[in-house]
């Protein structure tokens, strides 16, 4: 993942006896990526982590996707998906609604007020962006306090639950991978340390500080996993609470990173999106666009040039501020723009001239670029404004 941490009680030497006060042994569990060939942590349980007493199916929320056909750019209004007070009966896991997806990544949205069940994603890592609201994310490794602007990186197979702050809606934008999610390799040394040109570093990452040691018997864990025709769900019932860890150490654990700790890279002329990259997974990247000084060449055009992403679909989630290039399109806070590969896109009419002379952009957005086409989930279909594709020409089909 990133760098070594040690929390709670562990023995001086790995794979050696670690005994309870009553003389019994704690159960040592290796949580590791890529077999035994990549990052891992050793976790010490009071109970046996493999123990099960029951298992039954969990019917997942609708995970079907519909091809973006005919191929057009789209504006999806996520804030229209949860209206009124319905968030009070929704949790941040089972209440996720699928917006976009392909074989590599799924993007979902939820507005919630209930504690989630204990949950484990056995398919891939999750990067959950907190748009609004605050929560405690309790995990096997300990708890994280998270709020607006936080990315929460949860490694595959980490049992966790979301506990929203009471009385306010928690808006979460979940990016679920079929792989691992990590900082870009070009930001890291060959040993994994953040390099000087990286826009963030180890000091900006917040990991669990202490273990939880919860009590409970016959506890349910909702597990998302691969099935015969894609994704499937199972509810495992375990004899002891999974938050029974007395200590752990290693380089694989959940952590939070706030986008305000990302230092934007700027230049005399417009910088391409890779300078805004924050994470990457297999066949996709995550970038963020933040308030920043903009291009300072005397003839600079601050907004992006028109571009054809021939290898990727571009998904932009507009979080805050006033996005200069999209003025006049109807896009605002809570919007997603989908610019598919095969369609050239860029500033709305008039945006280039309006941007000349600008010295600062006040905008916050999270971008996902995928290298396979995205399909529309049920929430994407439900939130499509139906007009965005014609916003550059000013007229649509007869």
Protein backbone atom coordinates (compact mmCIF):
# COMPACT_ATOMS: atom_id res chain seq x y z
CA UNK A 1 0.00 0.00 0.00
CA UNK A 2 2.10 2.89 1.22
CA UNK A 3 4.27 2.50 4.31
CA UNK A 4 4.61 0.40 7.45
CA UNK A 5 2.35 0.90 10.46
CA UNK A 6 2.05 -0.89 13.79
CA UNK A 7 -1.09 -0.71 15.97
CA UNK A 8 -1.89 -2.49 19.24
CA UNK A 9 -0.26 -5.63 20.61
CA UNK A 10 1.97 -7.81 18.40
CA UNK A 11 4.76 -10.29 19.19
CA UNK A 12 8.41 -9.26 18.68
CA UNK A 13 8.85 -11.79 15.85
CA UNK A 14 6.31 -12.66 13.16
CA UNK A 15 4.84 -16.18 13.03
CA UNK A 16 5.71 -16.81 16.67
CA UNK A 17 3.53 -17.35 19.75
CA UNK A 18 1.45 -14.39 20.87
CA UNK A 19 -0.46 -15.31 24.00
CA UNK A 20 -3.52 -13.93 25.74
CA UNK A 21 -3.46 -12.92 29.41
CA UNK A 22 -5.09 -16.29 30.17
CA UNK A 23 -2.29 -18.15 28.37
CA UNK A 24 -4.20 -19.02 25.20
CA UNK A 25 -2.89 -18.12 21.74
CA UNK A 26 -4.13 -15.26 19.57
CA UNK A 27 -4.85 -16.29 15.97
CA UNK A 28 -2.39 -14.78 13.49
CA UNK A 29 -3.84 -13.92 10.06
CA UNK A 30 -1.86 -12.75 7.03
CA UNK A 31 -3.85 -10.31 4.87
CA UNK A 32 -1.87 -10.04 1.64
CA UNK A 33 -2.08 -9.05 -2.01
CA UNK A 34 -0.94 -11.06 -5.04
CA UNK A 35 -0.56 -14.29 -3.12
CA UNK A 36 2.46 -13.85 -0.90
CA UNK A 37 4.29 -11.54 -3.33
CA UNK A 38 3.10 -8.00 -2.51
CA UNK A 39 1.95 -5.76 0.35
CA UNK A 40 0.52 -7.44 3.44
CA UNK A 41 -0.29 -7.05 7.11
CA UNK A 42 -0.31 -9.51 9.99
CA UNK A 43 -3.45 -9.31 12.12
CA UNK A 44 -3.87 -10.92 15.57
CA UNK A 45 -7.41 -12.06 16.50
CA UNK A 46 -8.95 -13.19 19.77
CA UNK A 47 -11.13 -15.63 17.78
CA UNK A 48 -10.60 -17.79 14.70
CA UNK A 49 -11.01 -15.59 11.58
CA UNK A 50 -12.09 -18.56 9.42
CA UNK A 51 -15.00 -19.60 11.66
CA UNK A 52 -18.53 -19.63 10.15
CA UNK A 53 -21.84 -20.74 11.61
CA UNK A 54 -24.16 -19.93 8.68
CA UNK A 55 -24.23 -18.53 5.13
CA UNK A 56 -27.11 -17.40 2.94
CA UNK A 57 -27.52 -15.39 -0.27
CA UNK A 58 -27.54 -11.57 -0.29
CA UNK A 59 -29.44 -10.07 -3.21
CA UNK A 60 -27.28 -7.18 -4.41
CA UNK A 61 -28.72 -3.88 -5.65
CA UNK A 62 -29.23 -3.83 -9.41
CA UNK A 63 -25.77 -4.24 -11.01
CA UNK A 64 -26.84 -4.41 -14.67
CA UNK A 65 -25.41 -1.92 -17.17
CA UNK A 66 -26.78 -0.71 -20.50
CA UNK A 67 -24.46 0.24 -23.35
CA UNK A 68 -24.09 3.96 -24.08
CA UNK A 69 -25.83 3.59 -27.44
CA UNK A 70 -26.19 5.67 -29.50
CA UNK A 71 -22.78 6.94 -28.40
CA UNK A 72 -23.24 10.41 -26.89
CA UNK A 73 -21.83 12.50 -24.04
CA UNK A 74 -24.18 12.60 -21.07
CA UNK A 75 -24.99 14.73 -18.04
CA UNK A 76 -26.13 12.70 -15.01
CA UNK A 77 -27.73 14.59 -12.12
CA UNK A 78 -26.84 12.52 -9.06
CA UNK A 79 -28.61 14.80 -6.60
CA UNK A 80 -31.92 13.80 -8.22
CA UNK A 81 -31.44 10.15 -7.23
CA UNK A 82 -32.27 10.57 -3.53
CA UNK A 83 -35.00 13.08 -2.75
CA UNK A 84 -36.76 14.33 0.34
CA UNK A 85 -36.17 12.42 3.55
CA UNK A 86 -35.57 8.99 1.99
CA UNK A 87 -31.88 9.13 2.96
CA UNK A 88 -32.93 8.49 6.56
CA UNK A 89 -33.84 4.90 5.61
CA UNK A 90 -30.70 4.25 3.49
CA UNK A 91 -27.22 3.00 4.43
CA UNK A 92 -23.96 3.65 2.57
CA UNK A 93 -23.46 0.02 1.46
CA UNK A 94 -26.78 -1.62 0.59
CA UNK A 95 -28.16 1.76 -0.53
CA UNK A 96 -25.60 2.30 -3.30
CA UNK A 97 -27.12 2.86 -6.72
CA UNK A 98 -25.00 1.93 -9.74
CA UNK A 99 -24.31 4.92 -12.01
CA UNK A 100 -21.68 3.59 -14.44
CA UNK A 101 -19.69 0.40 -14.79
CA UNK A 102 -17.61 -1.99 -16.86
CA UNK A 103 -15.52 -5.09 -16.23
CA UNK A 104 -12.84 -3.07 -14.37
CA UNK A 105 -14.71 -0.56 -12.21
CA UNK A 106 -18.18 0.34 -10.92
CA UNK A 107 -19.22 3.84 -9.83
CA UNK A 108 -22.14 4.13 -7.41
CA UNK A 109 -23.80 6.88 -5.40
CA UNK A 110 -25.64 6.87 -2.09
CA UNK A 111 -27.19 9.38 0.29
CA UNK A 112 -27.57 7.70 3.65
CA UNK A 113 -28.44 8.17 7.29
CA UNK A 114 -28.44 4.63 8.69
CA UNK A 115 -25.46 2.59 9.93
CA UNK A 116 -24.44 0.10 7.28
CA UNK A 117 -24.16 -3.61 7.96
CA UNK A 118 -20.73 -5.11 8.34
CA UNK A 119 -19.48 -5.42 4.77
CA UNK A 120 -16.59 -6.97 2.87
CA UNK A 121 -15.80 -6.53 -0.83
CA UNK A 122 -14.10 -9.71 -2.07
CA UNK A 123 -13.91 -8.47 -5.68
CA UNK A 124 -11.52 -5.52 -5.42
CA UNK A 125 -10.45 -2.44 -3.49
CA UNK A 126 -12.84 0.46 -2.93
CA UNK A 127 -12.19 4.19 -3.09
CA UNK A 128 -15.15 5.94 -1.47
CA UNK A 129 -15.25 9.72 -1.84
CA UNK A 130 -17.20 11.62 0.82
CA UNK A 131 -19.01 14.46 -0.96
CA UNK A 132 -20.90 15.76 2.08
CA UNK A 133 -21.51 14.67 5.66
CA UNK A 134 -19.34 12.92 8.23
CA UNK A 135 -18.99 9.34 9.40
CA UNK A 136 -16.96 6.86 11.36
CA UNK A 137 -15.70 3.97 9.24
CA UNK A 138 -15.08 1.05 11.57
CA UNK A 139 -12.78 -1.66 10.20
CA UNK A 140 -10.94 -4.79 11.30
CA UNK A 141 -7.84 -2.57 11.61
CA UNK A 142 -9.51 0.20 13.64
CA UNK A 143 -11.65 3.26 12.95
CA UNK A 144 -11.30 6.25 10.60
CA UNK A 145 -13.12 9.54 11.14
CA UNK A 146 -14.02 10.92 7.72
CA UNK A 147 -15.74 14.00 6.35
CA UNK A 148 -16.23 16.14 3.23
CA UNK A 149 -13.43 15.78 0.68
CA UNK A 150 -12.05 12.54 2.07
CA UNK A 151 -11.10 9.60 -0.09
CA UNK A 152 -11.40 6.39 1.92
CA UNK A 153 -9.30 3.55 0.48
CA UNK A 154 -10.50 0.15 1.69
CA UNK A 155 -8.43 -2.86 0.60
CA UNK A 156 -10.19 -5.92 -0.76
CA UNK A 157 -11.54 -8.28 1.95
CA UNK A 158 -11.46 -5.62 4.72
CA UNK A 159 -14.53 -6.06 6.92
CA UNK A 160 -15.94 -2.62 7.72
CA UNK A 161 -19.09 -0.57 8.28
CA UNK A 162 -20.16 3.04 7.80
CA UNK A 163 -21.66 4.91 10.78
CA UNK A 164 -22.97 8.32 9.60
CA UNK A 165 -23.10 11.26 11.95
CA UNK A 166 -26.62 11.40 13.28
CA UNK A 167 -28.98 13.97 11.81
CA UNK A 168 -27.22 14.81 8.54
CA UNK A 169 -27.16 13.02 5.17
CA UNK A 170 -23.95 11.28 4.18
CA UNK A 171 -23.27 11.60 0.44
CA UNK A 172 -20.78 9.02 -0.84
CA UNK A 173 -19.41 8.37 -4.32
CA UNK A 174 -18.08 4.82 -4.41
CA UNK A 175 -15.47 3.68 -6.95
CA UNK A 176 -15.29 -0.11 -6.73
CA UNK A 177 -12.42 -1.80 -8.57
CA UNK A 178 -11.94 -5.33 -9.80
CA UNK A 179 -8.30 -4.81 -8.83
CA UNK A 180 -6.25 -2.91 -6.28
CA UNK A 181 -6.25 0.90 -5.95
CA UNK A 182 -2.97 2.65 -5.12
CA UNK A 183 -1.04 5.90 -5.63
CA UNK A 184 0.40 6.24 -9.15
CA UNK A 185 3.65 4.35 -9.57
CA UNK A 186 5.39 7.42 -10.97
CA UNK A 187 4.94 9.14 -7.57
CA UNK A 188 6.81 6.35 -5.76
CA UNK A 189 10.41 5.22 -5.41
CA UNK A 190 11.24 1.62 -6.27
CA UNK A 191 10.83 0.90 -2.54
CA UNK A 192 7.43 2.62 -2.26
CA UNK A 193 8.32 6.01 -0.74
CA UNK A 194 6.56 9.08 -2.15
CA UNK A 195 9.00 11.08 -4.29
CA UNK A 196 9.57 14.83 -4.20
CA UNK A 197 7.48 15.50 -7.33
CA UNK A 198 4.42 13.77 -5.85
CA UNK A 199 1.53 16.17 -5.07
CA UNK A 200 0.97 14.42 -1.72
CA UNK A 201 2.97 12.21 0.64
CA UNK A 202 2.85 9.88 3.64
CA UNK A 203 2.16 12.74 6.07
CA UNK A 204 -1.19 13.33 4.36
CA UNK A 205 -2.51 9.77 4.85
CA UNK A 206 -4.59 8.93 7.92
CA UNK A 207 -4.63 5.31 9.08
CA UNK A 208 -6.28 3.63 12.08
CA UNK A 209 -4.65 4.56 15.38
CA UNK A 210 -6.01 1.83 17.67
CA UNK A 211 -7.96 -1.41 17.50
CA UNK A 212 -11.67 -1.62 18.30
CA UNK A 213 -12.13 -4.89 20.24
CA UNK A 214 -15.90 -5.11 19.78
CA UNK A 215 -17.99 -7.84 21.41
CA UNK A 216 -20.75 -9.91 19.86
CA UNK A 217 -21.82 -13.38 18.79
CA UNK A 218 -23.45 -14.73 15.61
CA UNK A 219 -22.61 -11.55 13.71
CA UNK A 220 -23.63 -11.00 10.05
CA UNK A 221 -21.15 -9.85 7.40
CA UNK A 222 -22.40 -8.89 3.92
CA UNK A 223 -19.90 -10.13 1.32
CA UNK A 224 -19.79 -8.99 -2.32
CA UNK A 225 -17.97 -11.52 -4.51
CA UNK A 226 -17.70 -12.93 -8.00
CA UNK A 227 -20.57 -15.11 -9.21
CA UNK A 228 -21.49 -17.23 -12.18
CA UNK A 229 -22.73 -14.26 -14.24
CA UNK A 230 -20.81 -11.39 -12.68
CA UNK A 231 -21.29 -10.21 -9.10
CA UNK A 232 -23.03 -12.08 -6.30
CA UNK A 233 -23.66 -11.54 -2.60
CA UNK A 234 -23.49 -13.78 0.47
CA UNK A 235 -24.24 -13.08 4.12
CA UNK A 236 -21.76 -14.87 6.38
CA UNK A 237 -22.67 -15.42 10.03
CA UNK A 238 -19.57 -15.65 12.23
CA UNK A 239 -19.50 -16.85 15.85
CA UNK A 240 -17.54 -13.85 17.20
CA UNK A 241 -17.41 -10.21 16.23
CA UNK A 242 -14.80 -9.64 13.45
CA UNK A 243 -13.51 -6.53 15.25
CA UNK A 244 -11.64 -8.80 17.68
CA UNK A 245 -8.14 -7.68 16.63
CA UNK A 246 -5.70 -6.92 19.46
CA UNK A 247 -2.95 -5.69 17.14
CA UNK A 248 -1.58 -5.63 13.62
CA UNK A 249 1.38 -4.44 11.60
CA UNK A 250 2.29 -4.14 7.94
CA UNK A 251 1.76 -2.11 4.79
CA UNK A 252 -1.81 -3.07 3.84
CA UNK A 253 -4.66 -1.31 5.67
CA UNK A 254 -7.48 1.17 5.09
CA UNK A 255 -6.66 4.86 5.10
CA UNK A 256 -8.16 8.28 4.38
CA UNK A 257 -6.76 11.15 2.33
CA UNK A 258 -8.41 14.54 1.98
CA UNK A 259 -8.25 16.26 -1.40
CA UNK A 260 -7.36 19.55 0.33
CA UNK A 261 -3.97 17.96 1.05
CA UNK A 262 -3.33 17.46 -2.68
CA UNK A 263 -0.99 20.17 -4.02
CA UNK A 264 -2.08 21.09 -7.59
CA UNK A 265 0.60 21.20 -10.27
CA UNK A 266 0.31 24.22 -12.56
CA UNK A 267 2.31 25.73 -15.41
CA UNK A 268 2.64 28.62 -17.87
CA UNK A 269 0.22 26.87 -20.25
CA UNK A 270 -2.60 24.40 -19.67
CA UNK A 271 -1.45 21.20 -17.95
CA UNK A 272 -2.90 17.83 -19.07
CA UNK A 273 -5.09 15.73 -16.72
CA UNK A 274 -2.31 13.31 -15.60
CA UNK A 275 -0.87 16.08 -13.39
CA UNK A 276 -4.11 15.88 -11.39
CA UNK A 277 -3.92 12.11 -10.84
CA UNK A 278 -4.33 10.85 -7.27
CA UNK A 279 -4.87 7.05 -7.56
CA UNK A 280 -4.86 4.27 -10.12
CA UNK A 281 -6.32 0.80 -10.61
CA UNK A 282 -6.26 -1.77 -13.39
CA UNK A 283 -7.52 -0.03 -16.55
CA UNK A 284 -8.61 3.18 -14.82
CA UNK A 285 -7.22 6.25 -13.04
CA UNK A 286 -8.64 8.71 -10.50
CA UNK A 287 -7.82 12.43 -10.71
CA UNK A 288 -9.00 15.51 -8.83
CA UNK A 289 -9.31 19.10 -10.06
CA UNK A 290 -8.98 21.61 -7.23
CA UNK A 291 -8.98 25.37 -6.63
CA UNK A 292 -5.69 26.60 -8.07
CA UNK A 293 -3.80 29.32 -9.86
CA UNK A 294 -4.04 28.82 -13.58
CA UNK A 295 -1.77 29.29 -16.59
CA UNK A 296 0.40 32.39 -16.52
CA UNK A 297 1.75 32.62 -20.09
CA UNK A 298 0.57 36.04 -21.41
CA UNK A 299 -1.36 34.34 -24.23
CA UNK A 300 -2.51 31.30 -22.22
CA UNK A 301 -6.00 29.81 -22.61
CA UNK A 302 -6.83 28.57 -19.09
CA UNK A 303 -9.70 26.20 -19.96
CA UNK A 304 -8.90 22.83 -21.59
CA UNK A 305 -8.48 22.50 -25.33
CA UNK A 306 -10.82 20.23 -27.26
CA UNK A 307 -9.60 16.66 -27.03
CA UNK A 308 -10.49 13.19 -28.23
CA UNK A 309 -9.90 10.51 -25.62
CA UNK A 310 -9.54 7.75 -28.17
CA UNK A 311 -8.55 5.17 -25.53
CA UNK A 312 -10.81 6.10 -22.62
CA UNK A 313 -14.14 7.23 -21.25
CA UNK A 314 -13.93 10.32 -19.01
CA UNK A 315 -16.22 10.65 -15.98
CA UNK A 316 -16.19 13.98 -14.11
CA UNK A 317 -18.03 14.35 -10.79
CA UNK A 318 -18.56 18.05 -9.99
CA UNK A 319 -18.25 18.50 -6.22
CA UNK A 320 -17.95 22.22 -5.58
CA UNK A 321 -17.12 25.61 -7.05
CA UNK A 322 -17.86 26.80 -10.57
CA UNK A 323 -16.37 24.67 -13.33
CA UNK A 324 -15.28 27.16 -16.00
CA UNK A 325 -15.27 24.87 -19.05
CA UNK A 326 -18.85 23.64 -18.46
CA UNK A 327 -20.61 26.99 -17.96
CA UNK A 328 -23.84 27.10 -19.92
CA UNK A 329 -24.27 23.32 -20.08
CA UNK A 330 -26.56 22.88 -17.07
CA UNK A 331 -23.85 21.07 -15.13
CA UNK A 332 -23.51 22.05 -11.48
CA UNK A 333 -22.74 20.60 -8.06
CA UNK A 334 -23.70 16.94 -7.90
CA UNK A 335 -23.47 16.48 -11.68
CA UNK A 336 -21.53 13.88 -13.61
CA UNK A 337 -20.38 14.41 -17.18
CA UNK A 338 -19.64 11.30 -19.22
CA UNK A 339 -17.44 11.98 -22.25
CA UNK A 340 -17.04 8.65 -24.04
CA UNK A 341 -14.12 7.58 -26.18
CA UNK A 342 -15.04 8.25 -29.80
CA UNK A 343 -16.42 11.75 -29.16
CA UNK A 344 -14.30 14.90 -29.11
CA UNK A 345 -15.14 17.15 -26.16
CA UNK A 346 -14.00 20.40 -24.63
CA UNK A 347 -15.22 23.81 -23.45
CA UNK A 348 -18.80 24.89 -23.93
CA UNK A 349 -19.39 27.68 -26.50
CA UNK A 350 -18.04 30.99 -25.19
CA UNK A 351 -16.03 29.41 -22.36
CA UNK A 352 -12.66 29.96 -24.05
CA UNK A 353 -13.12 33.71 -24.47
CA UNK A 354 -14.57 34.08 -20.97
CA UNK A 355 -11.54 32.35 -19.44
CA UNK A 356 -8.90 34.64 -20.97
CA UNK A 357 -7.08 36.58 -18.31
CA UNK A 358 -8.28 34.34 -15.46
CA UNK A 359 -5.70 33.82 -12.74
CA UNK A 360 -7.55 31.39 -10.47
CA UNK A 361 -10.17 28.65 -10.89
CA UNK A 362 -12.46 27.85 -7.97
CA UNK A 363 -13.53 24.31 -8.84
CA UNK A 364 -13.51 20.91 -7.21
CA UNK A 365 -14.14 17.74 -9.20
CA UNK A 366 -13.23 14.05 -9.07
CA UNK A 367 -12.47 12.40 -12.41
CA UNK A 368 -12.33 8.71 -13.34
CA UNK A 369 -10.87 7.78 -16.72
CA UNK A 370 -11.51 4.19 -17.79
CA UNK A 371 -9.76 2.34 -20.59
CA UNK A 372 -12.74 0.21 -21.47
CA UNK A 373 -16.17 1.64 -22.39
CA UNK A 374 -18.57 2.34 -19.55
CA UNK A 375 -22.18 1.23 -19.49
CA UNK A 376 -25.00 3.04 -17.73
CA UNK A 377 -26.30 1.55 -14.49
CA UNK A 378 -29.89 1.99 -13.36
CA UNK A 379 -28.96 5.20 -11.56
CA UNK A 380 -27.18 6.54 -14.64
CA UNK A 381 -30.26 5.94 -16.76
CA UNK A 382 -32.50 7.50 -14.11
CA UNK A 383 -30.43 10.68 -13.74
CA UNK A 384 -29.60 11.46 -17.40
CA UNK A 385 -30.78 14.98 -18.33
CA UNK A 386 -31.26 13.97 -21.98
CA UNK A 387 -29.96 17.32 -23.31
CA UNK A 388 -26.24 17.58 -22.66
CA UNK A 389 -25.12 16.01 -25.95
CA UNK A 390 -26.56 18.94 -27.90
CA UNK A 391 -25.12 21.70 -25.67
CA UNK A 392 -22.21 22.51 -28.04
CA UNK A 393 -24.43 22.96 -31.10
CA UNK A 394 -27.42 24.56 -29.39
CA UNK A 395 -29.94 22.22 -31.04
CA UNK A 396 -30.76 18.54 -30.95
CA UNK A 397 -32.48 16.04 -33.22
CA UNK A 398 -35.75 17.05 -34.80
